[in-house]
Amino acid sequence: TSLNPVYKVGVQIAESLRLHEGMDKKAAHDR
């Protein structure tokens, strides 16, 4: 109920990094 079913798992983790840490798309995905 906490993970969005229509987004890939990696994208959901990377979104937090891009929003709060200011990472670019590739750096966030790698992290």
Full PDB file with SEQRES, HELIX, SHEET, SSBOND, CRYST1, ORIGX, SCALE, CONECT and MASTER records, all heavy atoms in Angstrom:
SEQRES   1 A   31  THR SER LEU ASN PRO VAL TYR LYS VAL GLY VAL GLN ILE          
SEQRES   2 A   31  ALA GLU SER LEU ARG LEU HIS GLU GLY MET ASP LYS LYS          
SEQRES   3 A   31  ALA ALA HIS ASP ARG                                          
HELIX    1 AA1 VAL A    9  GLU A   21  1                                  13    
HELIX    2 AA2 LYS A   25  ASP A   30  1                                   6    
CRYST1    1.000    1.000    1.000  90.00  90.00  90.00 P 1           1          
ORIGX1      1.000000  0.000000  0.000000        0.00000                         
ORIGX2      0.000000  1.000000  0.000000        0.00000                         
ORIGX3      0.000000  0.000000  1.000000        0.00000                         
SCALE1      1.000000  0.000000  0.000000        0.00000                         
SCALE2      0.000000  1.000000  0.000000        0.00000                         
SCALE3      0.000000  0.000000  1.000000        0.00000                         
ATOM      1  N   THR A   1       0.816  -1.205   0.000  1.00  0.00           N  
ATOM      2  CA  THR A   1       0.000   0.000   0.000  1.00  0.00           C  
ATOM      3  C   THR A   1       0.855   1.262   0.000  1.00  0.00           C  
ATOM      4  O   THR A   1       0.320   2.365  -0.100  1.00  0.00           O  
ATOM      5  CB  THR A   1      -0.923   0.025   1.243  1.00  0.00           C  
ATOM      6  OG1 THR A   1      -0.121   0.005   2.426  1.00  0.00           O  
ATOM      7  CG2 THR A   1      -1.848  -1.181   1.258  1.00  0.00           C  
ATOM      8  N   SER A   2       2.167   1.106   0.112  1.00  0.00           N  
ATOM      9  CA  SER A   2       3.068   2.258   0.155  1.00  0.00           C  
ATOM     10  C   SER A   2       3.815   2.470  -1.151  1.00  0.00           C  
ATOM     11  O   SER A   2       4.282   3.572  -1.417  1.00  0.00           O  
ATOM     12  CB  SER A   2       4.075   2.085   1.297  1.00  0.00           C  
ATOM     13  OG  SER A   2       3.419   1.852   2.518  1.00  0.00           O  
ATOM     14  N   LEU A   3       3.946   1.415  -1.936  1.00  0.00           N  
ATOM     15  CA  LEU A   3       4.591   1.523  -3.242  1.00  0.00           C  
ATOM     16  C   LEU A   3       3.528   1.753  -4.310  1.00  0.00           C  
ATOM     17  O   LEU A   3       2.484   1.102  -4.303  1.00  0.00           O  
ATOM     18  CB  LEU A   3       5.381   0.243  -3.545  1.00  0.00           C  
ATOM     19  CG  LEU A   3       6.589  -0.035  -2.654  1.00  0.00           C  
ATOM     20  CD1 LEU A   3       7.119  -1.450  -2.894  1.00  0.00           C  
ATOM     21  CD2 LEU A   3       7.692   0.985  -2.876  1.00  0.00           C  
ATOM     22  N   ASN A   4       3.804   2.661  -5.221  1.00  0.00           N  
ATOM     23  CA  ASN A   4       2.851   2.968  -6.292  1.00  0.00           C  
ATOM     24  C   ASN A   4       2.887   1.848  -7.334  1.00  0.00           C  
ATOM     25  O   ASN A   4       3.940   1.571  -7.912  1.00  0.00           O  
ATOM     26  CB  ASN A   4       3.215   4.305  -6.945  1.00  0.00           C  
ATOM     27  CG  ASN A   4       2.106   4.839  -7.836  1.00  0.00           C  
ATOM     28  OD1 ASN A   4       1.474   4.089  -8.569  1.00  0.00           O  
ATOM     29  ND2 ASN A   4       1.872   6.138  -7.769  1.00  0.00           N  
ATOM     30  N   PRO A   5       1.755   1.189  -7.594  1.00  0.00           N  
ATOM     31  CA  PRO A   5       1.770   0.023  -8.487  1.00  0.00           C  
ATOM     32  C   PRO A   5       2.057   0.349  -9.953  1.00  0.00           C  
ATOM     33  O   PRO A   5       2.376  -0.557 -10.728  1.00  0.00           O  
ATOM     34  CB  PRO A   5       0.365  -0.564  -8.319  1.00  0.00           C  
ATOM     35  CG  PRO A   5      -0.482   0.589  -7.896  1.00  0.00           C  
ATOM     36  CD  PRO A   5       0.412   1.448  -7.051  1.00  0.00           C  
ATOM     37  N   VAL A   6       1.949   1.613 -10.367  1.00  0.00           N  
ATOM     38  CA  VAL A   6       2.109   1.943 -11.791  1.00  0.00           C  
ATOM     39  C   VAL A   6       3.494   2.506 -12.115  1.00  0.00           C  
ATOM     40  O   VAL A   6       3.747   2.871 -13.262  1.00  0.00           O  
ATOM     41  CB  VAL A   6       1.014   2.935 -12.257  1.00  0.00           C  
ATOM     42  CG1 VAL A   6      -0.360   2.352 -12.033  1.00  0.00           C  
ATOM     43  CG2 VAL A   6       1.152   4.285 -11.537  1.00  0.00           C  
ATOM     44  N   TYR A   7       4.373   2.581 -11.125  1.00  0.00           N  
ATOM     45  CA  TYR A   7       5.740   3.048 -11.366  1.00  0.00           C  
ATOM     46  C   TYR A   7       6.732   1.954 -11.006  1.00  0.00           C  
ATOM     47  O   TYR A   7       6.535   1.205 -10.042  1.00  0.00           O  
ATOM     48  CB  TYR A   7       6.051   4.296 -10.546  1.00  0.00           C  
ATOM     49  CG  TYR A   7       5.343   5.539 -11.021  1.00  0.00           C  
ATOM     50  CD1 TYR A   7       4.184   5.988 -10.403  1.00  0.00           C  
ATOM     51  CD2 TYR A   7       5.835   6.263 -12.111  1.00  0.00           C  
ATOM     52  CE1 TYR A   7       3.523   7.127 -10.840  1.00  0.00           C  
ATOM     53  CE2 TYR A   7       5.181   7.407 -12.559  1.00  0.00           C  
ATOM     54  CZ  TYR A   7       4.029   7.820 -11.924  1.00  0.00           C  
ATOM     55  OH  TYR A   7       3.381   8.943 -12.371  1.00  0.00           O  
ATOM     56  N   LYS A   8       7.808   1.883 -11.765  1.00  0.00           N  
ATOM     57  CA  LYS A   8       8.854   0.911 -11.471  1.00  0.00           C  
ATOM     58  C   LYS A   8       9.503   1.216 -10.125  1.00  0.00           C  
ATOM     59  O   LYS A   8       9.588   2.368  -9.708  1.00  0.00           O  
ATOM     60  CB  LYS A   8       9.902   0.921 -12.587  1.00  0.00           C  
ATOM     61  CG  LYS A   8       9.347   0.483 -13.944  1.00  0.00           C  
ATOM     62  CD  LYS A   8      10.387   0.634 -15.043  1.00  0.00           C  
ATOM     63  CE  LYS A   8       9.792   0.237 -16.396  1.00  0.00           C  
ATOM     64  NZ  LYS A   8      10.747   0.420 -17.507  1.00  0.00           N  
ATOM     65  N   VAL A   9       9.965   0.164  -9.474  1.00  0.00           N  
ATOM     66  CA  VAL A   9      10.521   0.311  -8.125  1.00  0.00           C  
ATOM     67  C   VAL A   9      11.720   1.257  -8.123  1.00  0.00           C  
ATOM     68  O   VAL A   9      11.837   2.147  -7.266  1.00  0.00           O  
ATOM     69  CB  VAL A   9      10.911  -1.071  -7.566  1.00  0.00           C  
ATOM     70  CG1 VAL A   9      11.714  -0.915  -6.274  1.00  0.00           C  
ATOM     71  CG2 VAL A   9       9.676  -1.912  -7.318  1.00  0.00           C  
ATOM     72  N   GLY A  10      12.607   1.112  -9.078  1.00  0.00           N  
ATOM     73  CA  GLY A  10      13.777   1.979  -9.145  1.00  0.00           C  
ATOM     74  C   GLY A  10      13.415   3.437  -9.332  1.00  0.00           C  
ATOM     75  O   GLY A  10      14.046   4.335  -8.749  1.00  0.00           O  
ATOM     76  N   VAL A  11      12.391   3.688 -10.123  1.00  0.00           N  
ATOM     77  CA  VAL A  11      11.931   5.060 -10.365  1.00  0.00           C  
ATOM     78  C   VAL A  11      11.411   5.676  -9.066  1.00  0.00           C  
ATOM     79  O   VAL A  11      11.665   6.855  -8.783  1.00  0.00           O  
ATOM     80  CB  VAL A  11      10.834   5.072 -11.455  1.00  0.00           C  
ATOM     81  CG1 VAL A  11      10.163   6.443 -11.531  1.00  0.00           C  
ATOM     82  CG2 VAL A  11      11.427   4.697 -12.805  1.00  0.00           C  
ATOM     83  N   GLN A  12      10.701   4.881  -8.251  1.00  0.00           N  
ATOM     84  CA  GLN A  12      10.134   5.410  -7.007  1.00  0.00           C  
ATOM     85  C   GLN A  12      11.225   5.761  -6.005  1.00  0.00           C  
ATOM     86  O   GLN A  12      11.127   6.766  -5.294  1.00  0.00           O  
ATOM     87  CB  GLN A  12       9.160   4.391  -6.416  1.00  0.00           C  
ATOM     88  CG  GLN A  12       7.951   4.147  -7.307  1.00  0.00           C  
ATOM     89  CD  GLN A  12       6.909   3.274  -6.652  1.00  0.00           C  
ATOM     90  OE1 GLN A  12       6.409   3.587  -5.575  1.00  0.00           O  
ATOM     91  NE2 GLN A  12       6.552   2.180  -7.308  1.00  0.00           N  
ATOM     92  N   ILE A  13      12.271   4.950  -5.936  1.00  0.00           N  
ATOM     93  CA  ILE A  13      13.383   5.266  -5.035  1.00  0.00           C  
ATOM     94  C   ILE A  13      14.149   6.483  -5.555  1.00  0.00           C  
ATOM     95  O   ILE A  13      14.508   7.388  -4.791  1.00  0.00           O  
ATOM     96  CB  ILE A  13      14.317   4.057  -4.894  1.00  0.00           C  
ATOM     97  CG1 ILE A  13      13.558   2.870  -4.283  1.00  0.00           C  
ATOM     98  CG2 ILE A  13      15.533   4.408  -4.031  1.00  0.00           C  
ATOM     99  CD1 ILE A  13      14.348   1.583  -4.263  1.00  0.00           C  
ATOM    100  N   ALA A  14      14.374   6.528  -6.866  1.00  0.00           N  
ATOM    101  CA  ALA A  14      15.116   7.640  -7.465  1.00  0.00           C  
ATOM    102  C   ALA A  14      14.364   8.959  -7.317  1.00  0.00           C  
ATOM    103  O   ALA A  14      14.977  10.022  -7.175  1.00  0.00           O  
ATOM    104  CB  ALA A  14      15.376   7.349  -8.945  1.00  0.00           C  
ATOM    105  N   GLU A  15      13.022   8.896  -7.329  1.00  0.00           N  
ATOM    106  CA  GLU A  15      12.232  10.124  -7.205  1.00  0.00           C  
ATOM    107  C   GLU A  15      12.525  10.842  -5.894  1.00  0.00           C  
ATOM    108  O   GLU A  15      12.646  12.072  -5.856  1.00  0.00           O  
ATOM    109  CB  GLU A  15      10.746   9.789  -7.289  1.00  0.00           C  
ATOM    110  CG  GLU A  15       9.833  11.004  -7.166  1.00  0.00           C  
ATOM    111  CD  GLU A  15       8.368  10.636  -7.138  1.00  0.00           C  
ATOM    112  OE1 GLU A  15       8.049   9.462  -6.854  1.00  0.00           O  
ATOM    113  OE2 GLU A  15       7.536  11.522  -7.392  1.00  0.00           O  
ATOM    114  N   SER A  16      12.658  10.069  -4.821  1.00  0.00           N  
ATOM    115  CA  SER A  16      12.969  10.669  -3.517  1.00  0.00           C  
ATOM    116  C   SER A  16      14.334  11.339  -3.545  1.00  0.00           C  
ATOM    117  O   SER A  16      14.518  12.443  -3.001  1.00  0.00           O  
ATOM    118  CB  SER A  16      12.930   9.582  -2.445  1.00  0.00           C  
ATOM    119  OG  SER A  16      13.294  10.103  -1.187  1.00  0.00           O  
ATOM    120  N   LEU A  17      15.303  10.708  -4.185  1.00  0.00           N  
ATOM    121  CA  LEU A  17      16.656  11.271  -4.273  1.00  0.00           C  
ATOM    122  C   LEU A  17      16.681  12.541  -5.121  1.00  0.00           C  
ATOM    123  O   LEU A  17      17.375  13.503  -4.799  1.00  0.00           O  
ATOM    124  CB  LEU A  17      17.608  10.228  -4.860  1.00  0.00           C  
ATOM    125  CG  LEU A  17      17.868   9.006  -3.968  1.00  0.00           C  
ATOM    126  CD1 LEU A  17      18.478   7.868  -4.776  1.00  0.00           C  
ATOM    127  CD2 LEU A  17      18.779   9.376  -2.807  1.00  0.00           C  
ATOM    128  N   ARG A  18      15.924  12.567  -6.195  1.00  0.00           N  
ATOM    129  CA  ARG A  18      15.882  13.752  -7.045  1.00  0.00           C  
ATOM    130  C   ARG A  18      15.179  14.907  -6.344  1.00  0.00           C  
ATOM    131  O   ARG A  18      15.582  16.072  -6.455  1.00  0.00           O  
ATOM    132  CB  ARG A  18      15.174  13.425  -8.364  1.00  0.00           C  
ATOM    133  CG  ARG A  18      15.908  12.400  -9.213  1.00  0.00           C  
ATOM    134  CD  ARG A  18      15.193  12.113 -10.515  1.00  0.00           C  
ATOM    135  NE  ARG A  18      15.238  13.289 -11.401  1.00  0.00           N  
ATOM    136  CZ  ARG A  18      14.629  13.344 -12.567  1.00  0.00           C  
ATOM    137  NH1 ARG A  18      13.902  12.319 -12.996  1.00  0.00           N  
ATOM    138  NH2 ARG A  18      14.723  14.429 -13.324  1.00  0.00           N  
ATOM    139  N   LEU A  19      14.122  14.578  -5.593  1.00  0.00           N  
ATOM    140  CA  LEU A  19      13.346  15.615  -4.912  1.00  0.00           C  
ATOM    141  C   LEU A  19      14.100  16.210  -3.739  1.00  0.00           C  
ATOM    142  O   LEU A  19      14.169  17.439  -3.587  1.00  0.00           O  
ATOM    143  CB  LEU A  19      12.007  15.026  -4.440  1.00  0.00           C  
ATOM    144  CG  LEU A  19      11.096  15.951  -3.627  1.00  0.00           C  
ATOM    145  CD1 LEU A  19      10.626  17.118  -4.485  1.00  0.00           C  
ATOM    146  CD2 LEU A  19       9.901  15.177  -3.076  1.00  0.00           C  
ATOM    147  N   HIS A  20      14.676  15.351  -2.899  1.00  0.00           N  
ATOM    148  CA  HIS A  20      15.274  15.827  -1.652  1.00  0.00           C  
ATOM    149  C   HIS A  20      16.788  16.064  -1.734  1.00  0.00           C  
ATOM    150  O   HIS A  20      17.322  16.891  -0.995  1.00  0.00           O  
ATOM    151  CB  HIS A  20      14.990  14.842  -0.519  1.00  0.00           C  
ATOM    152  CG  HIS A  20      13.540  14.706  -0.178  1.00  0.00           C  
ATOM    153  ND1 HIS A  20      12.792  15.748   0.315  1.00  0.00           N  
ATOM    154  CD2 HIS A  20      12.695  13.649  -0.271  1.00  0.00           C  
ATOM    155  CE1 HIS A  20      11.553  15.339   0.519  1.00  0.00           C  
ATOM    156  NE2 HIS A  20      11.468  14.074   0.176  1.00  0.00           N  
ATOM    157  N   GLU A  21      17.473  15.328  -2.619  1.00  0.00           N  
ATOM    158  CA  GLU A  21      18.930  15.437  -2.701  1.00  0.00           C  
ATOM    159  C   GLU A  21      19.399  16.209  -3.928  1.00  0.00           C  
ATOM    160  O   GLU A  21      20.585  16.493  -4.063  1.00  0.00           O  
ATOM    161  CB  GLU A  21      19.560  14.039  -2.706  1.00  0.00           C  
ATOM    162  CG  GLU A  21      19.236  13.199  -1.475  1.00  0.00           C  
ATOM    163  CD  GLU A  21      19.830  13.772  -0.212  1.00  0.00           C  
ATOM    164  OE1 GLU A  21      21.009  14.174  -0.243  1.00  0.00           O  
ATOM    165  OE2 GLU A  21      19.125  13.835   0.814  1.00  0.00           O  
ATOM    166  N   GLY A  22      18.483  16.526  -4.834  1.00  0.00           N  
ATOM    167  CA  GLY A  22      18.836  17.301  -6.016  1.00  0.00           C  
ATOM    168  C   GLY A  22      19.674  16.549  -7.038  1.00  0.00           C  
ATOM    169  O   GLY A  22      20.361  17.168  -7.861  1.00  0.00           O  
ATOM    170  N   MET A  23      19.618  15.222  -7.017  1.00  0.00           N  
ATOM    171  CA  MET A  23      20.406  14.433  -7.966  1.00  0.00           C  
ATOM    172  C   MET A  23      19.785  14.497  -9.359  1.00  0.00           C  
ATOM    173  O   MET A  23      18.565  14.657  -9.494  1.00  0.00           O  
ATOM    174  CB  MET A  23      20.469  12.966  -7.518  1.00  0.00           C  
ATOM    175  CG  MET A  23      21.284  12.701  -6.277  1.00  0.00           C  
ATOM    176  SD  MET A  23      21.383  10.910  -5.944  1.00  0.00           S  
ATOM    177  CE  MET A  23      22.398  10.916  -4.472  1.00  0.00           C  
ATOM    178  N   ASP A  24      20.643  14.320 -10.376  1.00  0.00           N  
ATOM    179  CA  ASP A  24      20.089  14.206 -11.727  1.00  0.00           C  
ATOM    180  C   ASP A  24      19.548  12.788 -11.929  1.00  0.00           C  
ATOM    181  O   ASP A  24      19.718  11.903 -11.077  1.00  0.00           O  
ATOM    182  CB  ASP A  24      21.119  14.569 -12.792  1.00  0.00           C  
ATOM    183  CG  ASP A  24      22.354  13.660 -12.782  1.00  0.00           C  
ATOM    184  OD1 ASP A  24      22.211  12.447 -12.495  1.00  0.00           O  
ATOM    185  OD2 ASP A  24      23.461  14.154 -13.044  1.00  0.00           O  
ATOM    186  N   LYS A  25      18.900  12.566 -13.065  1.00  0.00           N  
ATOM    187  CA  LYS A  25      18.191  11.309 -13.297  1.00  0.00           C  
ATOM    188  C   LYS A  25      19.115  10.098 -13.231  1.00  0.00           C  
ATOM    189  O   LYS A  25      18.794   9.089 -12.596  1.00  0.00           O  
ATOM    190  CB  LYS A  25      17.487  11.364 -14.654  1.00  0.00           C  
ATOM    191  CG  LYS A  25      16.579  10.179 -14.935  1.00  0.00           C  
ATOM    192  CD  LYS A  25      15.814  10.379 -16.235  1.00  0.00           C  
ATOM    193  CE  LYS A  25      14.874   9.215 -16.505  1.00  0.00           C  
ATOM    194  NZ  LYS A  25      14.093   9.421 -17.766  1.00  0.00           N  
ATOM    195  N   LYS A  26      20.284  10.189 -13.869  1.00  0.00           N  
ATOM    196  CA  LYS A  26      21.200   9.043 -13.897  1.00  0.00           C  
ATOM    197  C   LYS A  26      21.786   8.762 -12.518  1.00  0.00           C  
ATOM    198  O   LYS A  26      21.856   7.603 -12.077  1.00  0.00           O  
ATOM    199  CB  LYS A  26      22.327   9.289 -14.895  1.00  0.00           C  
ATOM    200  CG  LYS A  26      23.259   8.078 -15.050  1.00  0.00           C  
ATOM    201  CD  LYS A  26      24.369   8.350 -16.033  1.00  0.00           C  
ATOM    202  CE  LYS A  26      25.207   7.082 -16.271  1.00  0.00           C  
ATOM    203  NZ  LYS A  26      25.701   6.493 -15.017  1.00  0.00           N  
ATOM    204  N   ALA A  27      22.232   9.796 -11.824  1.00  0.00           N  
ATOM    205  CA  ALA A  27      22.816   9.612 -10.493  1.00  0.00           C  
ATOM    206  C   ALA A  27      21.797   9.018  -9.528  1.00  0.00           C  
ATOM    207  O   ALA A  27      22.121   8.142  -8.718  1.00  0.00           O  
ATOM    208  CB  ALA A  27      23.344  10.942  -9.965  1.00  0.00           C  
ATOM    209  N   ALA A  28      20.558   9.488  -9.624  1.00  0.00           N  
ATOM    210  CA  ALA A  28      19.503   8.977  -8.749  1.00  0.00           C  
ATOM    211  C   ALA A  28      19.215   7.511  -9.054  1.00  0.00           C  
ATOM    212  O   ALA A  28      19.016   6.694  -8.142  1.00  0.00           O  
ATOM    213  CB  ALA A  28      18.240   9.817  -8.906  1.00  0.00           C  
ATOM    214  N   HIS A  29      19.185   7.162 -10.346  1.00  0.00           N  
ATOM    215  CA  HIS A  29      18.940   5.759 -10.723  1.00  0.00           C  
ATOM    216  C   HIS A  29      20.069   4.867 -10.226  1.00  0.00           C  
ATOM    217  O   HIS A  29      19.816   3.779  -9.672  1.00  0.00           O  
ATOM    218  CB  HIS A  29      18.804   5.640 -12.239  1.00  0.00           C  
ATOM    219  CG  HIS A  29      18.712   4.211 -12.709  1.00  0.00           C  
ATOM    220  ND1 HIS A  29      17.561   3.471 -12.598  1.00  0.00           N  
ATOM    221  CD2 HIS A  29      19.655   3.382 -13.271  1.00  0.00           C  
ATOM    222  CE1 HIS A  29      17.775   2.253 -13.069  1.00  0.00           C  
ATOM    223  NE2 HIS A  29      19.029   2.180 -13.484  1.00  0.00           N  
ATOM    224  N   ASP A  30      21.313   5.303 -10.403  1.00  0.00           N  
ATOM    225  CA  ASP A  30      22.455   4.504  -9.963  1.00  0.00           C  
ATOM    226  C   ASP A  30      22.428   4.295  -8.450  1.00  0.00           C  
ATOM    227  O   ASP A  30      22.730   3.200  -7.956  1.00  0.00           O  
ATOM    228  CB  ASP A  30      23.768   5.177 -10.365  1.00  0.00           C  
ATOM    229  CG  ASP A  30      23.994   5.168 -11.873  1.00  0.00           C  
ATOM    230  OD1 ASP A  30      23.298   4.398 -12.570  1.00  0.00           O  
ATOM    231  OD2 ASP A  30      24.858   5.941 -12.354  1.00  0.00           O  
ATOM    232  N   ARG A  31      22.067   5.350  -7.732  1.00  0.00           N  
ATOM    233  CA  ARG A  31      21.983   5.230  -6.274  1.00  0.00           C  
ATOM    234  C   ARG A  31      20.829   4.306  -5.869  1.00  0.00           C  
ATOM    235  O   ARG A  31      20.964   3.537  -4.910  1.00  0.00           O  
ATOM    236  CB  ARG A  31      21.793   6.620  -5.660  1.00  0.00           C  
ATOM    237  CG  ARG A  31      21.613   6.637  -4.146  1.00  0.00           C  
ATOM    238  CD  ARG A  31      22.787   6.029  -3.407  1.00  0.00           C  
ATOM    239  NE  ARG A  31      22.621   6.136  -1.967  1.00  0.00           N  
ATOM    240  CZ  ARG A  31      23.282   5.403  -1.078  1.00  0.00           C  
ATOM    241  NH1 ARG A  31      24.175   4.515  -1.495  1.00  0.00           N  
ATOM    242  NH2 ARG A  31      23.068   5.559   0.198  1.00  0.00           N  
TER     243      ARG A  31                                                      
MASTER        0    0    0    2    0    0    0    6  242    1    0    3          
END                                                                             
